[in-house]
Amino acid sequence: MNGLVQDARDFNTLAEFLARRDVPQMSAAALQQAIGAPRAEMVLLFGGSLPEGCRLAGQLWQAGLARKVMTIGGVGHTTAAFLERFESALPAGHSATEGECMKEYLQSAFAIPEEDLLVERASTNCGENVRFALSILREKNALPASAIVLHDSTMQRRIGATLDRWWPEGVTRFVHFAAYRAQLEAGESGLTFAPNHIWGLWQPEHYMSLLLSEIPRLRDDDQGYGPNGRDFIAHVDVPEAVEAAWKRLADRYGHLLRPRPTT
């Protein structure tokens, strides 16, 4: 059990680093401090952020904390699992892309009007998410001066680095807010989630795989996605404590590491 307790701590160390939140909670006061206004012009809602992220985006719009919502995502490696989690919320069916599915949910659950929604439906990975969304916003002359960035907690750190890499500098003030924060704990049968109300949360093993596989991608070395590697993202400083936790976990859970794409 002691080994599992340490494993849970280490996975939670990775999760805390990856699930970037620039403010402790979303409010007009927090936005005022982060972006200089009590309401953001837009929510950038990235595919893969689970139904929990979509619900949060709708709540932000409903509370008047964002004027518009842009849903972003085509078909990628998590799409099938992502769409499956929406079936109970959209019993009449949904579109095949993440961007369209999220838009349909927001219209159904929050009655967000068409004029307050934008959608990107062709991207297949994190870099395309940003570049294709940027292209659409430029075409519509709709680049926001401020935006709340919502992604899956395992991807929030990377989407920030991707925005830093591809978004025009000084145009948009971003405030990052991971869609959820989950905690793992040691149990008699292994690692499991602490009690939570996160809608559509991954199975524990899949979540652990996402966490463990993300750190090598963030590294700025010849194997990572940073400028010294694939140049997909801006440089990310990975703290020593995170690297130490990752090394301990990789020795025990190496079978959960997902291969990195070759293109």
Protein backbone atom coordinates (compact mmCIF):
# COMPACT_ATOMS: atom_id res chain seq x y z
CA MET A 1 0.00 0.00 0.00
CA ASN A 2 2.86 2.40 0.79
CA GLY A 3 4.06 2.13 -2.80
CA LEU A 4 0.59 2.97 -4.09
CA VAL A 5 0.36 5.98 -1.79
CA GLN A 6 3.58 7.32 -3.29
CA ASP A 7 2.32 6.55 -6.79
CA ALA A 8 -0.86 8.51 -6.11
CA ARG A 9 1.19 11.45 -4.84
CA ASP A 10 3.39 11.33 -7.92
CA PHE A 11 0.48 11.16 -10.36
CA ASN A 12 -1.16 14.06 -8.53
CA THR A 13 2.09 16.03 -8.84
CA LEU A 14 1.94 15.57 -12.62
CA ALA A 15 -1.75 16.45 -12.66
CA GLU A 16 -1.30 19.66 -10.67
CA PHE A 17 1.40 20.84 -13.08
CA LEU A 18 -0.50 19.92 -16.25
CA ALA A 19 -3.91 21.24 -15.13
CA ARG A 20 -2.92 24.88 -15.42
CA ARG A 21 -5.27 27.38 -13.81
CA ASP A 22 -4.28 31.03 -13.84
CA VAL A 23 -6.97 31.92 -11.30
CA PRO A 24 -8.25 29.84 -8.37
CA GLN A 25 -11.87 30.17 -9.54
CA MET A 26 -13.77 31.84 -12.34
CA SER A 27 -15.47 35.10 -11.41
CA ALA A 28 -15.78 38.65 -12.68
CA ALA A 29 -13.26 39.75 -10.05
CA ALA A 30 -10.77 37.06 -11.08
CA LEU A 31 -11.12 38.01 -14.74
CA GLN A 32 -10.71 41.68 -13.91
CA GLN A 33 -7.40 40.88 -12.26
CA ALA A 34 -6.22 38.45 -14.98
CA ILE A 35 -7.27 40.21 -18.19
CA GLY A 36 -8.32 43.68 -17.07
CA ALA A 37 -12.05 43.19 -17.67
CA PRO A 38 -14.87 41.42 -15.79
CA ARG A 39 -15.87 39.47 -18.88
CA ALA A 40 -13.78 37.75 -21.55
CA GLU A 41 -14.65 38.24 -25.18
CA MET A 42 -14.51 34.51 -25.86
CA VAL A 43 -14.12 31.03 -24.44
CA LEU A 44 -11.80 28.85 -26.50
CA LEU A 45 -13.13 25.36 -25.77
CA PHE A 46 -10.82 22.66 -27.08
CA GLY A 47 -11.96 19.16 -28.01
CA GLY A 48 -10.97 16.39 -25.66
CA SER A 49 -11.92 18.53 -22.66
CA LEU A 50 -14.67 16.10 -21.65
CA PRO A 51 -18.33 16.97 -21.09
CA GLU A 52 -17.25 18.65 -17.84
CA GLY A 53 -15.35 21.28 -19.84
CA CYS A 54 -18.31 21.87 -22.12
CA ARG A 55 -20.63 22.32 -19.18
CA LEU A 56 -18.17 24.79 -17.66
CA ALA A 57 -18.01 26.75 -20.91
CA GLY A 58 -21.79 26.97 -20.96
CA GLN A 59 -21.87 28.10 -17.35
CA LEU A 60 -19.31 30.82 -18.05
CA TRP A 61 -21.39 32.13 -20.94
CA GLN A 62 -24.59 31.87 -18.91
CA ALA A 63 -23.01 33.80 -16.02
CA GLY A 64 -21.98 36.60 -18.36
CA LEU A 65 -18.26 35.88 -17.95
CA ALA A 66 -17.75 35.39 -21.70
CA ARG A 67 -19.48 36.93 -24.71
CA LYS A 68 -18.93 34.07 -27.15
CA VAL A 69 -17.78 30.45 -27.20
CA MET A 70 -15.64 28.85 -29.89
CA THR A 71 -15.64 25.05 -29.96
CA ILE A 72 -12.52 23.55 -31.50
CA GLY A 73 -11.83 20.02 -32.73
CA GLY A 74 -12.26 17.62 -35.59
CA VAL A 75 -11.49 13.91 -35.26
CA GLY A 76 -8.44 12.81 -33.28
CA HIS A 77 -7.19 9.89 -31.21
CA THR A 78 -9.58 10.54 -28.28
CA THR A 79 -12.65 11.45 -30.36
CA ALA A 80 -14.51 8.13 -30.08
CA ALA A 81 -14.22 8.10 -26.28
CA PHE A 82 -15.02 11.81 -26.15
CA LEU A 83 -18.22 11.48 -28.21
CA GLU A 84 -19.36 8.43 -26.26
CA ARG A 85 -19.49 10.55 -23.12
CA PHE A 86 -22.03 12.89 -24.71
CA GLU A 87 -24.59 10.24 -25.64
CA SER A 88 -26.69 10.72 -22.51
CA ALA A 89 -26.73 14.51 -23.00
CA LEU A 90 -27.60 14.31 -26.70
CA PRO A 91 -29.92 11.27 -26.97
CA ALA A 92 -31.13 12.30 -30.43
CA GLY A 93 -27.58 11.93 -31.74
CA HIS A 94 -24.65 14.20 -32.41
CA SER A 95 -22.21 15.16 -35.13
CA ALA A 96 -19.03 13.20 -35.76
CA THR A 97 -16.57 15.98 -34.94
CA GLU A 98 -15.72 17.22 -31.48
CA GLY A 99 -16.27 20.87 -32.41
CA GLU A 100 -19.77 20.26 -33.76
CA CYS A 101 -20.73 17.94 -30.90
CA MET A 102 -19.71 20.51 -28.30
CA LYS A 103 -21.61 23.21 -30.15
CA GLU A 104 -24.75 21.05 -30.26
CA TYR A 105 -24.50 20.38 -26.55
CA LEU A 106 -24.09 24.08 -25.72
CA GLN A 107 -27.12 24.95 -27.85
CA SER A 108 -29.20 22.18 -26.29
CA ALA A 109 -28.20 22.62 -22.65
CA PHE A 110 -27.65 26.38 -22.46
CA ALA A 111 -29.62 27.77 -25.41
CA ILE A 112 -26.58 29.70 -26.61
CA PRO A 113 -27.66 31.47 -29.81
CA GLU A 114 -25.93 30.83 -33.11
CA GLU A 115 -24.43 34.31 -33.20
CA ASP A 116 -22.56 33.64 -29.95
CA LEU A 117 -21.00 30.39 -31.19
CA LEU A 118 -18.11 29.70 -33.54
CA VAL A 119 -16.88 26.24 -34.48
CA GLU A 120 -13.70 24.70 -35.87
CA ARG A 121 -14.25 21.15 -37.06
CA ALA A 122 -11.22 20.08 -39.15
CA SER A 123 -8.27 19.88 -36.75
CA THR A 124 -6.85 16.52 -35.67
CA ASN A 125 -4.20 17.48 -33.12
CA CYS A 126 -3.21 20.19 -30.66
CA GLY A 127 -1.23 22.30 -33.13
CA GLU A 128 -3.98 22.20 -35.73
CA ASN A 129 -6.53 23.08 -33.04
CA VAL A 130 -4.77 26.39 -32.52
CA ARG A 131 -3.73 27.14 -36.10
CA PHE A 132 -7.11 26.30 -37.64
CA ALA A 133 -9.03 28.23 -34.98
CA LEU A 134 -6.74 31.21 -35.53
CA SER A 135 -7.36 31.03 -39.28
CA ILE A 136 -11.14 31.05 -38.82
CA LEU A 137 -11.02 33.98 -36.42
CA ARG A 138 -8.82 35.94 -38.80
CA GLU A 139 -11.17 35.24 -41.71
CA LYS A 140 -14.09 36.52 -39.65
CA ASN A 141 -12.08 39.48 -38.33
CA ALA A 142 -12.99 38.18 -34.89
CA LEU A 143 -9.69 37.76 -33.05
CA PRO A 144 -10.61 38.34 -29.39
CA ALA A 145 -8.77 40.78 -27.17
CA SER A 146 -9.30 38.34 -24.29
CA ALA A 147 -10.16 34.66 -24.01
CA ILE A 148 -10.67 31.96 -21.40
CA VAL A 149 -8.87 28.80 -22.51
CA LEU A 150 -10.54 25.51 -21.50
CA HIS A 151 -9.01 22.11 -22.17
CA ASP A 152 -8.77 18.71 -20.56
CA SER A 153 -6.71 18.97 -17.39
CA THR A 154 -4.01 16.72 -18.87
CA MET A 155 -3.66 19.04 -21.88
CA GLN A 156 -4.01 22.53 -20.40
CA ARG A 157 -0.26 23.11 -19.98
CA ARG A 158 0.44 22.03 -23.56
CA ILE A 159 -2.34 24.08 -25.13
CA GLY A 160 -0.86 27.13 -23.43
CA ALA A 161 2.54 26.38 -24.95
CA THR A 162 0.88 25.80 -28.33
CA LEU A 163 -0.86 29.17 -28.16
CA ASP A 164 2.47 30.75 -27.22
CA ARG A 165 4.01 29.14 -30.30
CA TRP A 166 1.38 30.00 -32.92
CA TRP A 167 -0.88 32.84 -31.72
CA PRO A 168 0.13 36.38 -32.73
CA GLU A 169 1.92 38.02 -29.83
CA GLY A 170 0.10 40.74 -27.92
CA VAL A 171 -3.28 40.28 -29.64
CA THR A 172 -5.18 38.24 -27.05
CA ARG A 173 -4.92 38.14 -23.27
CA PHE A 174 -5.48 34.54 -22.23
CA VAL A 175 -6.57 33.16 -18.89
CA HIS A 176 -6.10 29.42 -18.60
CA PHE A 177 -8.52 27.33 -16.60
CA ALA A 178 -8.30 23.54 -16.81
CA ALA A 179 -11.75 22.02 -17.22
CA TYR A 180 -11.43 19.95 -14.04
CA ARG A 181 -8.96 18.80 -11.41
CA ALA A 182 -9.02 15.17 -10.32
CA GLN A 183 -7.13 13.48 -7.50
CA LEU A 184 -5.95 9.87 -7.45
CA GLU A 185 -5.74 7.92 -4.23
CA ALA A 186 -4.54 4.49 -3.17
CA GLY A 187 -7.15 1.82 -2.59
CA GLU A 188 -7.19 -1.89 -1.89
CA SER A 189 -7.50 -2.70 -5.60
CA GLY A 190 -5.03 -0.08 -6.83
CA LEU A 191 -5.21 3.58 -7.75
CA THR A 192 -8.63 5.14 -8.10
CA PHE A 193 -10.17 8.59 -8.15
CA ALA A 194 -11.02 10.43 -4.97
CA PRO A 195 -14.79 11.14 -4.79
CA ASN A 196 -15.74 13.77 -7.33
CA HIS A 197 -18.57 15.06 -9.52
CA ILE A 198 -16.59 15.39 -12.76
CA TRP A 199 -18.85 14.59 -15.69
CA GLY A 200 -17.44 12.07 -18.15
CA LEU A 201 -14.13 11.55 -16.35
CA TRP A 202 -11.71 9.09 -17.93
CA GLN A 203 -11.14 5.66 -16.43
CA PRO A 204 -8.27 5.85 -13.92
CA GLU A 205 -5.80 3.88 -16.04
CA HIS A 206 -6.48 6.00 -19.13
CA TYR A 207 -6.11 9.17 -17.07
CA MET A 208 -2.79 7.91 -15.69
CA SER A 209 -1.64 7.11 -19.22
CA LEU A 210 -2.48 10.64 -20.36
CA LEU A 211 -0.60 12.18 -17.44
CA LEU A 212 2.46 9.98 -17.82
CA SER A 213 2.65 10.43 -21.60
CA GLU A 214 2.35 14.20 -21.49
CA ILE A 215 5.63 15.05 -19.76
CA PRO A 216 7.93 13.73 -22.54
CA ARG A 217 5.93 15.75 -25.06
CA LEU A 218 6.44 18.97 -23.09
CA ARG A 219 10.19 18.58 -22.83
CA ASP A 220 12.36 20.88 -24.91
CA ASP A 221 14.79 18.21 -26.12
CA ASP A 222 15.31 16.36 -29.38
CA GLN A 223 12.46 13.96 -28.54
CA GLY A 224 10.00 16.55 -27.23
CA TYR A 225 7.64 19.03 -28.84
CA GLY A 226 9.57 22.18 -27.87
CA PRO A 227 11.80 24.38 -30.09
CA ASN A 228 14.77 22.00 -29.69
CA GLY A 229 12.66 19.06 -30.83
CA ARG A 230 9.55 18.98 -33.02
CA ASP A 231 8.93 22.73 -32.62
CA PHE A 232 5.20 22.24 -32.10
CA ILE A 233 5.10 24.29 -28.90
CA ALA A 234 6.96 27.08 -27.13
CA HIS A 235 9.54 26.19 -24.49
CA VAL A 236 8.09 24.78 -21.27
CA ASP A 237 10.00 24.64 -17.99
CA VAL A 238 9.18 21.32 -16.36
CA PRO A 239 9.90 21.60 -12.61
CA GLU A 240 12.42 19.21 -11.06
CA ALA A 241 9.77 17.81 -8.71
CA VAL A 242 7.59 16.92 -11.70
CA GLU A 243 10.48 15.25 -13.51
CA ALA A 244 11.36 13.27 -10.38
CA ALA A 245 7.76 12.12 -9.98
CA TRP A 246 7.62 11.17 -13.66
CA LYS A 247 10.81 9.10 -13.43
CA ARG A 248 9.51 7.12 -10.46
CA LEU A 249 6.23 6.47 -12.25
CA ALA A 250 7.86 5.59 -15.59
CA ASP A 251 9.82 2.85 -13.84
CA ARG A 252 6.60 1.30 -12.53
CA TYR A 253 4.01 2.26 -15.16
CA GLY A 254 6.05 2.39 -18.35
CA HIS A 255 3.47 0.21 -20.07
CA LEU A 256 1.05 3.15 -19.91
CA LEU A 257 3.25 5.49 -21.97
CA ARG A 258 1.57 6.31 -25.28
CA PRO A 259 3.80 6.49 -28.39
CA ARG A 260 4.32 9.94 -29.85
CA PRO A 261 3.09 10.55 -33.43
CA THR A 262 5.79 10.55 -36.10
CA THR A 263 4.28 13.50 -38.00
